[in-house]
Amino acid sequence: MHHPATEPPAGPAIRVRDLVKHYPGRPPVEAVRGLSLEVSRGECFGLLGPNGAGKTTTIEILEGLLEPTSGDVEVLGMRWAADERRLRELIGVSLQETRLSDKLTVGETIALFRSFYASGIDPMEALAMVGLEGKASARVDKISGGERQRLAVATAIVGWPQLLFLDEPTTGLDPQSRRQIWDLVEACRACGHTVLLTTHYMDEAERLCDRLAIVDAGRIIASGTPAELVAAFGAKDLDDVFVQLAGRRLSESGWAEPVAAAGRDPGGPASGRAAGQGSTTA
């Protein structure tokens, strides 16, 4: 696989300190409330939590799409205010809702996105990685919703980025399409790329993420490897961890649903587990 010619500064892939994002309103919305995290190069890091937890706001700040209200953000050792052009060459982004032109074919779309990067992989290779090589001549408005979602992921990887952002990449996909995206994430990680993904699927987080942060109400409430979190809570799986932390269960649609409070231990052994997260756990 091809790698960009220029290397960014050494250090963590992502470093965030005391990130805050407020939206004006009556009352104002506190989407992110003092979030801190660090993502090592070459790992797959997950932000796991329900809809409305602040995951998308956080990732869009890291992608340079939103300005934070306060806090410090470094991406690949650089900052958006000073290094935007260089950062755009080194990251790939798949938004929760990527809007693509209906008038272009799948092949024209991926070729267009490849043209945005000085280096990368062959557009047809990117399509093959998401199982769309047979759809190159189809117009975007003629393919299914799941295929459009996979095309959005292909546009994120065609520049063969050092850092890949995937916001809820498998929401609504059929099982086969989900596995294709999982295989792609694992292939990117195996090639040394860093992946930051958001998800509300416990099985996805458990399979793909080296480490993850559980986010609720704009704060990280626990973080660590999936195995560490499960062991620290004496839980049977990540779903049980979330129930113990938040007193709610994540549904398939991503919303947190109430559960019986019996057995919940919000002050249990894994609260604020991860090193460096003491100021952001609740």
C-alpha atoms as a PDB file:
ATOM      1  CA  MET A   1       0.000   0.000   0.000  1.00  0.00           C
ATOM      2  CA  HIS A   2       1.097   3.546  -0.685  1.00  0.00           C
ATOM      3  CA  HIS A   3       1.956   5.847   2.176  1.00  0.00           C
ATOM      4  CA  PRO A   4       2.126   9.666   2.127  1.00  0.00           C
ATOM      5  CA  ALA A   5       5.601  10.978   1.410  1.00  0.00           C
ATOM      6  CA  THR A   6       5.708  13.427   4.291  1.00  0.00           C
ATOM      7  CA  GLU A   7       5.652  12.297   7.890  1.00  0.00           C
ATOM      8  CA  PRO A   8       3.905  14.380  10.571  1.00  0.00           C
ATOM      9  CA  PRO A   9       5.632  15.214  13.848  1.00  0.00           C
ATOM     10  CA  ALA A  10       6.150  12.351  16.300  1.00  0.00           C
ATOM     11  CA  GLY A  11       3.945  11.817  19.350  1.00  0.00           C
ATOM     12  CA  PRO A  12       0.354  10.662  19.856  1.00  0.00           C
ATOM     13  CA  ALA A  13      -2.005  10.670  16.884  1.00  0.00           C
ATOM     14  CA  ILE A  14      -4.563  12.645  18.913  1.00  0.00           C
ATOM     15  CA  ARG A  15      -4.229  14.583  22.141  1.00  0.00           C
ATOM     16  CA  VAL A  16      -7.258  16.344  23.645  1.00  0.00           C
ATOM     17  CA  ARG A  17      -7.337  18.253  26.920  1.00  0.00           C
ATOM     18  CA  ASP A  18     -10.427  19.662  28.660  1.00  0.00           C
ATOM     19  CA  LEU A  19     -12.516  19.876  25.480  1.00  0.00           C
ATOM     20  CA  VAL A  20     -15.745  21.842  25.832  1.00  0.00           C
ATOM     21  CA  LYS A  21     -18.392  22.584  23.213  1.00  0.00           C
ATOM     22  CA  HIS A  22     -21.524  24.597  23.924  1.00  0.00           C
ATOM     23  CA  TYR A  23     -24.290  25.418  21.445  1.00  0.00           C
ATOM     24  CA  PRO A  24     -26.312  28.599  22.018  1.00  0.00           C
ATOM     25  CA  GLY A  25     -29.928  28.220  23.014  1.00  0.00           C
ATOM     26  CA  ARG A  26     -32.394  28.616  25.842  1.00  0.00           C
ATOM     27  CA  PRO A  27     -30.899  26.945  27.759  1.00  0.00           C
ATOM     28  CA  PRO A  28     -27.504  26.460  26.019  1.00  0.00           C
ATOM     29  CA  VAL A  29     -26.639  22.871  25.055  1.00  0.00           C
ATOM     30  CA  GLU A  30     -23.477  21.482  26.659  1.00  0.00           C
ATOM     31  CA  ALA A  31     -22.564  18.866  24.031  1.00  0.00           C
ATOM     32  CA  VAL A  32     -19.038  18.187  25.335  1.00  0.00           C
ATOM     33  CA  ARG A  33     -18.130  18.897  28.950  1.00  0.00           C
ATOM     34  CA  GLY A  34     -14.417  18.727  29.763  1.00  0.00           C
ATOM     35  CA  LEU A  35     -13.379  15.710  27.711  1.00  0.00           C
ATOM     36  CA  SER A  36      -9.713  14.583  27.622  1.00  0.00           C
ATOM     37  CA  LEU A  37      -8.202  11.681  25.706  1.00  0.00           C
ATOM     38  CA  GLU A  38      -5.043  10.520  23.976  1.00  0.00           C
ATOM     39  CA  VAL A  39      -4.884   8.154  21.001  1.00  0.00           C
ATOM     40  CA  SER A  40      -1.629   6.368  20.168  1.00  0.00           C
ATOM     41  CA  ARG A  41      -0.419   6.005  16.605  1.00  0.00           C
ATOM     42  CA  GLY A  42      -1.405   2.754  14.964  1.00  0.00           C
ATOM     43  CA  GLU A  43      -4.292   1.890  17.292  1.00  0.00           C
ATOM     44  CA  CYS A  44      -8.013   1.715  16.733  1.00  0.00           C
ATOM     45  CA  PHE A  45      -9.659   3.881  19.383  1.00  0.00           C
ATOM     46  CA  GLY A  46     -13.416   3.915  19.874  1.00  0.00           C
ATOM     47  CA  LEU A  47     -15.837   6.445  21.311  1.00  0.00           C
ATOM     48  CA  LEU A  48     -18.714   4.303  22.552  1.00  0.00           C
ATOM     49  CA  GLY A  49     -21.985   5.716  23.778  1.00  0.00           C
ATOM     50  CA  PRO A  50     -25.625   6.519  23.036  1.00  0.00           C
ATOM     51  CA  ASN A  51     -27.015   9.038  20.573  1.00  0.00           C
ATOM     52  CA  GLY A  52     -26.617  12.538  21.994  1.00  0.00           C
ATOM     53  CA  ALA A  53     -23.612  11.615  24.142  1.00  0.00           C
ATOM     54  CA  GLY A  54     -21.295  14.064  22.354  1.00  0.00           C
ATOM     55  CA  LYS A  55     -19.429  11.545  20.168  1.00  0.00           C
ATOM     56  CA  THR A  56     -20.125  13.216  16.828  1.00  0.00           C
ATOM     57  CA  THR A  57     -19.431  16.694  18.183  1.00  0.00           C
ATOM     58  CA  THR A  58     -16.090  15.483  19.536  1.00  0.00           C
ATOM     59  CA  ILE A  59     -15.037  13.762  16.316  1.00  0.00           C
ATOM     60  CA  GLU A  60     -16.080  16.759  14.187  1.00  0.00           C
ATOM     61  CA  ILE A  61     -13.867  19.016  16.316  1.00  0.00           C
ATOM     62  CA  LEU A  62     -10.986  16.575  15.817  1.00  0.00           C
ATOM     63  CA  GLU A  63     -11.689  16.589  12.052  1.00  0.00           C
ATOM     64  CA  GLY A  64     -11.450  20.374  11.950  1.00  0.00           C
ATOM     65  CA  LEU A  65     -15.126  20.790  11.065  1.00  0.00           C
ATOM     66  CA  LEU A  66     -16.201  22.453  14.318  1.00  0.00           C
ATOM     67  CA  GLU A  67     -14.540  25.025  16.559  1.00  0.00           C
ATOM     68  CA  PRO A  68     -14.399  24.055  20.238  1.00  0.00           C
ATOM     69  CA  THR A  69     -15.733  26.443  22.850  1.00  0.00           C
ATOM     70  CA  SER A  70     -12.563  25.794  24.854  1.00  0.00           C
ATOM     71  CA  GLY A  71      -9.882  23.180  25.334  1.00  0.00           C
ATOM     72  CA  ASP A  72      -6.732  22.061  23.547  1.00  0.00           C
ATOM     73  CA  VAL A  73      -6.677  19.748  20.499  1.00  0.00           C
ATOM     74  CA  GLU A  74      -3.662  18.302  18.679  1.00  0.00           C
ATOM     75  CA  VAL A  75      -4.017  16.012  15.655  1.00  0.00           C
ATOM     76  CA  LEU A  76      -0.856  14.278  14.406  1.00  0.00           C
ATOM     77  CA  GLY A  77       1.140  16.754  16.460  1.00  0.00           C
ATOM     78  CA  MET A  78      -0.440  19.737  14.687  1.00  0.00           C
ATOM     79  CA  ARG A  79      -3.264  22.199  15.249  1.00  0.00           C
ATOM     80  CA  TRP A  80      -6.055  23.094  12.871  1.00  0.00           C
ATOM     81  CA  ALA A  81      -5.535  26.844  13.139  1.00  0.00           C
ATOM     82  CA  ALA A  82      -1.933  26.625  11.918  1.00  0.00           C
ATOM     83  CA  ASP A  83      -1.718  23.408   9.884  1.00  0.00           C
ATOM     84  CA  GLU A  84      -5.071  22.846   8.185  1.00  0.00           C
ATOM     85  CA  ARG A  85      -3.734  22.261   4.661  1.00  0.00           C
ATOM     86  CA  ARG A  86      -1.203  19.666   5.782  1.00  0.00           C
ATOM     87  CA  LEU A  87      -3.670  17.918   8.061  1.00  0.00           C
ATOM     88  CA  ARG A  88      -6.224  17.569   5.243  1.00  0.00           C
ATOM     89  CA  GLU A  89      -3.593  15.583   3.311  1.00  0.00           C
ATOM     90  CA  LEU A  90      -3.050  13.196   6.219  1.00  0.00           C
ATOM     91  CA  ILE A  91      -6.577  12.374   7.407  1.00  0.00           C
ATOM     92  CA  GLY A  92      -9.587  10.616   5.943  1.00  0.00           C
ATOM     93  CA  VAL A  93     -13.128  11.350   7.109  1.00  0.00           C
ATOM     94  CA  SER A  94     -16.375   9.407   6.860  1.00  0.00           C
ATOM     95  CA  LEU A  95     -19.156  11.498   8.358  1.00  0.00           C
ATOM     96  CA  GLN A  96     -22.269  10.096   9.982  1.00  0.00           C
ATOM     97  CA  GLU A  97     -24.164  11.475   6.977  1.00  0.00           C
ATOM     98  CA  THR A  98     -21.817  12.021   4.032  1.00  0.00           C
ATOM     99  CA  ARG A  99     -23.618  13.807   1.194  1.00  0.00           C
ATOM    100  CA  LEU A 100     -22.478  12.689  -2.263  1.00  0.00           C
ATOM    101  CA  SER A 101     -23.570  14.020  -5.662  1.00  0.00           C
ATOM    102  CA  ASP A 102     -26.387  11.927  -7.140  1.00  0.00           C
ATOM    103  CA  LYS A 103     -25.351  12.935 -10.659  1.00  0.00           C
ATOM    104  CA  LEU A 104     -21.933  11.245 -10.516  1.00  0.00           C
ATOM    105  CA  THR A 105     -21.225   7.549 -10.891  1.00  0.00           C
ATOM    106  CA  VAL A 106     -19.605   5.593  -8.088  1.00  0.00           C
ATOM    107  CA  GLY A 107     -16.345   5.514 -10.089  1.00  0.00           C
ATOM    108  CA  GLU A 108     -16.444   9.251 -10.779  1.00  0.00           C
ATOM    109  CA  THR A 109     -17.104   9.953  -7.094  1.00  0.00           C
ATOM    110  CA  ILE A 110     -14.128   7.968  -5.831  1.00  0.00           C
ATOM    111  CA  ALA A 111     -11.881   9.442  -8.571  1.00  0.00           C
ATOM    112  CA  LEU A 112     -12.939  12.944  -7.505  1.00  0.00           C
ATOM    113  CA  PHE A 113     -12.029  12.287  -3.878  1.00  0.00           C
ATOM    114  CA  ARG A 114      -8.715  10.729  -4.916  1.00  0.00           C
ATOM    115  CA  SER A 115      -7.887  13.981  -6.761  1.00  0.00           C
ATOM    116  CA  PHE A 116      -8.023  15.872  -3.450  1.00  0.00           C
ATOM    117  CA  TYR A 117      -4.882  14.068  -2.233  1.00  0.00           C
ATOM    118  CA  ALA A 118      -1.306  14.329  -3.486  1.00  0.00           C
ATOM    119  CA  SER A 119      -0.875  10.580  -2.911  1.00  0.00           C
ATOM    120  CA  GLY A 120      -3.076   7.613  -2.141  1.00  0.00           C
ATOM    121  CA  ILE A 121      -4.326   4.334  -3.581  1.00  0.00           C
ATOM    122  CA  ASP A 122      -5.989   3.505  -6.882  1.00  0.00           C
ATOM    123  CA  PRO A 123      -9.689   4.467  -6.806  1.00  0.00           C
ATOM    124  CA  MET A 124     -10.760   0.991  -7.914  1.00  0.00           C
ATOM    125  CA  GLU A 125      -8.734  -0.522  -5.082  1.00  0.00           C
ATOM    126  CA  ALA A 126     -10.619   1.655  -2.608  1.00  0.00           C
ATOM    127  CA  LEU A 127     -13.927   0.484  -4.084  1.00  0.00           C
ATOM    128  CA  ALA A 128     -12.797  -3.137  -3.884  1.00  0.00           C
ATOM    129  CA  MET A 129     -11.968  -2.721  -0.195  1.00  0.00           C
ATOM    130  CA  VAL A 130     -15.629  -1.935   0.508  1.00  0.00           C
ATOM    131  CA  GLY A 131     -17.056  -4.424  -2.000  1.00  0.00           C
ATOM    132  CA  LEU A 132     -18.206  -1.852  -4.578  1.00  0.00           C
ATOM    133  CA  GLU A 133     -15.894  -2.595  -7.524  1.00  0.00           C
ATOM    134  CA  GLY A 134     -18.880  -3.960  -9.467  1.00  0.00           C
ATOM    135  CA  LYS A 135     -20.817  -0.698  -8.986  1.00  0.00           C
ATOM    136  CA  ALA A 136     -18.273   1.707 -10.529  1.00  0.00           C
ATOM    137  CA  SER A 137     -20.505   2.614 -13.477  1.00  0.00           C
ATOM    138  CA  ALA A 138     -23.704   2.986 -11.419  1.00  0.00           C
ATOM    139  CA  ARG A 139     -24.946   6.461 -10.555  1.00  0.00           C
ATOM    140  CA  VAL A 140     -24.919   7.310  -6.881  1.00  0.00           C
ATOM    141  CA  ASP A 141     -28.690   7.849  -6.855  1.00  0.00           C
ATOM    142  CA  LYS A 142     -29.203   4.304  -8.164  1.00  0.00           C
ATOM    143  CA  ILE A 143     -27.334   2.441  -5.426  1.00  0.00           C
ATOM    144  CA  SER A 144     -28.772   1.427  -2.065  1.00  0.00           C
ATOM    145  CA  GLY A 145     -28.391   3.323   1.185  1.00  0.00           C
ATOM    146  CA  GLY A 146     -25.959   0.721   2.492  1.00  0.00           C
ATOM    147  CA  GLU A 147     -23.891   0.976  -0.687  1.00  0.00           C
ATOM    148  CA  ARG A 148     -23.791   4.778  -0.369  1.00  0.00           C
ATOM    149  CA  GLN A 149     -22.545   4.352   3.185  1.00  0.00           C
ATOM    150  CA  ARG A 150     -19.782   2.012   2.013  1.00  0.00           C
ATOM    151  CA  LEU A 151     -18.910   4.480  -0.756  1.00  0.00           C
ATOM    152  CA  ALA A 152     -18.527   7.196   1.894  1.00  0.00           C
ATOM    153  CA  VAL A 153     -16.024   4.987   3.705  1.00  0.00           C
ATOM    154  CA  ALA A 154     -14.177   4.394   0.412  1.00  0.00           C
ATOM    155  CA  THR A 155     -13.853   8.160  -0.091  1.00  0.00           C
ATOM    156  CA  ALA A 156     -12.252   8.352   3.359  1.00  0.00           C
ATOM    157  CA  ILE A 157      -9.571   5.755   2.587  1.00  0.00           C
ATOM    158  CA  VAL A 158      -8.696   6.594  -1.045  1.00  0.00           C
ATOM    159  CA  GLY A 159      -6.020   9.071   0.108  1.00  0.00           C
ATOM    160  CA  TRP A 160      -4.588   6.240   2.270  1.00  0.00           C
ATOM    161  CA  PRO A 161      -4.616   8.502   5.320  1.00  0.00           C
ATOM    162  CA  GLN A 162      -2.422   8.171   8.359  1.00  0.00           C
ATOM    163  CA  LEU A 163      -5.457   8.923  10.529  1.00  0.00           C
ATOM    164  CA  LEU A 164      -8.927   7.663   9.627  1.00  0.00           C
ATOM    165  CA  PHE A 165     -12.077   9.072  11.248  1.00  0.00           C
ATOM    166  CA  LEU A 166     -15.205   6.910  11.017  1.00  0.00           C
ATOM    167  CA  ASP A 167     -18.396   8.280  12.586  1.00  0.00           C
ATOM    168  CA  GLU A 168     -20.912   5.448  13.147  1.00  0.00           C
ATOM    169  CA  PRO A 169     -19.629   3.659  10.002  1.00  0.00           C
ATOM    170  CA  THR A 170     -21.939   0.619  10.177  1.00  0.00           C
ATOM    171  CA  THR A 171     -25.219   2.094  11.431  1.00  0.00           C
ATOM    172  CA  GLY A 172     -28.074   0.605   9.428  1.00  0.00           C
ATOM    173  CA  LEU A 173     -25.884  -1.757   7.403  1.00  0.00           C
ATOM    174  CA  ASP A 174     -26.751  -5.397   6.769  1.00  0.00           C
ATOM    175  CA  PRO A 175     -24.502  -8.013   8.462  1.00  0.00           C
ATOM    176  CA  GLN A 176     -22.393  -8.655   5.341  1.00  0.00           C
ATOM    177  CA  SER A 177     -21.734  -4.939   4.799  1.00  0.00           C
ATOM    178  CA  ARG A 178     -20.856  -4.523   8.467  1.00  0.00           C
ATOM    179  CA  ARG A 179     -18.270  -7.294   8.201  1.00  0.00           C
ATOM    180  CA  GLN A 180     -16.759  -5.637   5.123  1.00  0.00           C
ATOM    181  CA  ILE A 181     -16.291  -2.392   7.053  1.00  0.00           C
ATOM    182  CA  TRP A 182     -14.844  -4.311  10.010  1.00  0.00           C
ATOM    183  CA  ASP A 183     -12.370  -6.073   7.695  1.00  0.00           C
ATOM    184  CA  LEU A 184     -11.394  -2.693   6.238  1.00  0.00           C
ATOM    185  CA  VAL A 185     -10.734  -1.195   9.667  1.00  0.00           C
ATOM    186  CA  GLU A 186      -8.634  -4.198  10.640  1.00  0.00           C
ATOM    187  CA  ALA A 187      -6.667  -3.947   7.361  1.00  0.00           C
ATOM    188  CA  CYS A 188      -5.954  -0.247   7.945  1.00  0.00           C
ATOM    189  CA  ARG A 189      -4.782  -0.928  11.480  1.00  0.00           C
ATOM    190  CA  ALA A 190      -2.581  -3.796  10.269  1.00  0.00           C
ATOM    191  CA  CYS A 191      -0.896  -1.356   7.863  1.00  0.00           C
ATOM    192  CA  GLY A 192      -0.039   0.982  10.748  1.00  0.00           C
ATOM    193  CA  HIS A 193      -2.816   3.520  10.291  1.00  0.00           C
ATOM    194  CA  THR A 194      -4.602   5.094  13.249  1.00  0.00           C
ATOM    195  CA  VAL A 195      -8.405   4.751  13.352  1.00  0.00           C
ATOM    196  CA  LEU A 196     -10.816   6.729  15.511  1.00  0.00           C
ATOM    197  CA  LEU A 197     -14.374   5.496  15.281  1.00  0.00           C
ATOM    198  CA  THR A 198     -17.619   6.278  17.040  1.00  0.00           C
ATOM    199  CA  THR A 199     -20.179   3.558  17.585  1.00  0.00           C
ATOM    200  CA  HIS A 200     -23.088   2.489  19.751  1.00  0.00           C
ATOM    201  CA  TYR A 201     -22.622  -1.182  18.854  1.00  0.00           C
ATOM    202  CA  MET A 202     -20.982  -3.107  21.693  1.00  0.00           C
ATOM    203  CA  ASP A 203     -19.874  -6.015  19.493  1.00  0.00           C
ATOM    204  CA  GLU A 204     -18.242  -3.595  17.054  1.00  0.00           C
ATOM    205  CA  ALA A 205     -16.301  -1.857  19.817  1.00  0.00           C
ATOM    206  CA  GLU A 206     -15.245  -5.169  21.318  1.00  0.00           C
ATOM    207  CA  ARG A 207     -13.999  -6.574  17.999  1.00  0.00           C
ATOM    208  CA  LEU A 208     -12.281  -3.514  16.505  1.00  0.00           C
ATOM    209  CA  CYS A 209     -11.021  -1.272  19.295  1.00  0.00           C
ATOM    210  CA  ASP A 210      -7.635  -1.622  20.991  1.00  0.00           C
ATOM    211  CA  ARG A 211      -8.921   0.898  23.519  1.00  0.00           C
ATOM    212  CA  LEU A 212     -12.150   2.797  23.920  1.00  0.00           C
ATOM    213  CA  ALA A 213     -13.749   5.563  25.920  1.00  0.00           C
ATOM    214  CA  ILE A 214     -17.351   5.261  27.053  1.00  0.00           C
ATOM    215  CA  VAL A 215     -19.013   8.651  26.605  1.00  0.00           C
ATOM    216  CA  ASP A 216     -22.248   9.816  28.186  1.00  0.00           C
ATOM    217  CA  ALA A 217     -23.684  13.330  28.516  1.00  0.00           C
ATOM    218  CA  GLY A 218     -20.564  14.930  27.043  1.00  0.00           C
ATOM    219  CA  ARG A 219     -18.096  13.264  29.410  1.00  0.00           C
ATOM    220  CA  ILE A 220     -15.879  10.188  29.393  1.00  0.00           C
ATOM    221  CA  ILE A 221     -17.184   7.982  32.187  1.00  0.00           C
ATOM    222  CA  ALA A 222     -14.664   5.139  31.730  1.00  0.00           C
ATOM    223  CA  SER A 223     -11.897   4.125  29.360  1.00  0.00           C
ATOM    224  CA  GLY A 224      -9.457   1.292  28.729  1.00  0.00           C
ATOM    225  CA  THR A 225      -9.249  -1.840  26.623  1.00  0.00           C
ATOM    226  CA  PRO A 226     -12.519  -3.756  26.232  1.00  0.00           C
ATOM    227  CA  ALA A 227     -11.113  -6.600  28.337  1.00  0.00           C
ATOM    228  CA  GLU A 228      -9.943  -4.211  31.079  1.00  0.00           C
ATOM    229  CA  LEU A 229     -13.357  -2.580  31.326  1.00  0.00           C
ATOM    230  CA  VAL A 230     -15.224  -5.877  31.460  1.00  0.00           C
ATOM    231  CA  ALA A 231     -12.843  -7.279  34.095  1.00  0.00           C
ATOM    232  CA  ALA A 232     -12.812  -4.128  36.230  1.00  0.00           C
ATOM    233  CA  PHE A 233     -16.591  -4.118  36.533  1.00  0.00           C
ATOM    234  CA  GLY A 234     -16.929  -7.877  36.916  1.00  0.00           C
ATOM    235  CA  ALA A 235     -19.229  -7.574  33.913  1.00  0.00           C
ATOM    236  CA  LYS A 236     -20.121 -10.183  31.319  1.00  0.00           C
ATOM    237  CA  ASP A 237     -19.675  -7.789  28.380  1.00  0.00           C
ATOM    238  CA  LEU A 238     -19.455  -4.106  27.414  1.00  0.00           C
ATOM    239  CA  ASP A 239     -23.239  -3.784  27.436  1.00  0.00           C
ATOM    240  CA  ASP A 240     -23.213  -4.775  31.102  1.00  0.00           C
ATOM    241  CA  VAL A 241     -20.409  -2.252  31.750  1.00  0.00           C
ATOM    242  CA  PHE A 242     -22.538   0.554  30.290  1.00  0.00           C
ATOM    243  CA  VAL A 243     -25.546  -0.513  32.342  1.00  0.00           C
ATOM    244  CA  GLN A 244     -23.473  -0.418  35.538  1.00  0.00           C
ATOM    245  CA  LEU A 245     -22.032   2.991  34.665  1.00  0.00           C
ATOM    246  CA  ALA A 246     -25.116   4.758  33.321  1.00  0.00           C
ATOM    247  CA  GLY A 247     -28.065   2.770  34.669  1.00  0.00           C
ATOM    248  CA  ARG A 248     -29.350   2.480  31.075  1.00  0.00           C
ATOM    249  CA  ARG A 249     -28.921   0.030  28.217  1.00  0.00           C
ATOM    250  CA  LEU A 250     -27.934   0.888  24.643  1.00  0.00           C
ATOM    251  CA  SER A 251     -30.543  -0.138  22.079  1.00  0.00           C
ATOM    252  CA  GLU A 252     -29.770  -1.270  18.515  1.00  0.00           C
ATOM    253  CA  SER A 253     -30.880   2.179  17.303  1.00  0.00           C
ATOM    254  CA  GLY A 254     -28.346   3.876  19.574  1.00  0.00           C
ATOM    255  CA  TRP A 255     -30.691   5.339  22.166  1.00  0.00           C
ATOM    256  CA  ALA A 256     -30.159   4.670  25.863  1.00  0.00           C
ATOM    257  CA  GLU A 257     -33.111   2.895  27.434  1.00  0.00           C
ATOM    258  CA  PRO A 258     -33.860   2.718  31.182  1.00  0.00           C
ATOM    259  CA  VAL A 259     -33.190  -0.537  33.019  1.00  0.00           C
ATOM    260  CA  ALA A 260     -33.850  -1.629  36.587  1.00  0.00           C
ATOM    261  CA  ALA A 261     -31.354   0.017  38.919  1.00  0.00           C
ATOM    262  CA  ALA A 262     -30.796  -3.181  40.914  1.00  0.00           C
ATOM    263  CA  GLY A 263     -27.148  -4.168  40.978  1.00  0.00           C
ATOM    264  CA  ARG A 264     -25.883  -0.906  39.558  1.00  0.00           C
ATOM    265  CA  ASP A 265     -22.641   0.339  41.108  1.00  0.00           C
ATOM    266  CA  PRO A 266     -21.745   3.721  39.545  1.00  0.00           C
ATOM    267  CA  GLY A 267     -18.911   4.159  42.012  1.00  0.00           C
ATOM    268  CA  GLY A 268     -17.481   0.699  41.306  1.00  0.00           C
ATOM    269  CA  PRO A 269     -13.882  -0.266  40.633  1.00  0.00           C
ATOM    270  CA  ALA A 270     -13.709   0.966  37.031  1.00  0.00           C
ATOM    271  CA  SER A 271     -15.068   4.463  37.493  1.00  0.00           C
ATOM    272  CA  GLY A 272     -12.411   6.750  36.073  1.00  0.00           C
ATOM    273  CA  ARG A 273     -10.311   3.709  35.199  1.00  0.00           C
ATOM    274  CA  ALA A 274      -8.022   4.911  32.469  1.00  0.00           C
ATOM    275  CA  ALA A 275      -4.787   6.688  33.230  1.00  0.00           C
ATOM    276  CA  GLY A 276      -5.126  10.408  32.664  1.00  0.00           C
ATOM    277  CA  GLN A 277      -8.932  10.362  32.742  1.00  0.00           C
ATOM    278  CA  GLY A 278      -9.433  11.344  36.369  1.00  0.00           C
ATOM    279  CA  SER A 279     -10.603  14.860  35.527  1.00  0.00           C
ATOM    280  CA  THR A 280     -13.111  13.718  32.946  1.00  0.00           C
ATOM    281  CA  THR A 281     -14.814  10.742  34.526  1.00  0.00           C
ATOM    282  CA  ALA A 282     -18.166  11.076  36.166  1.00  0.00           C
END
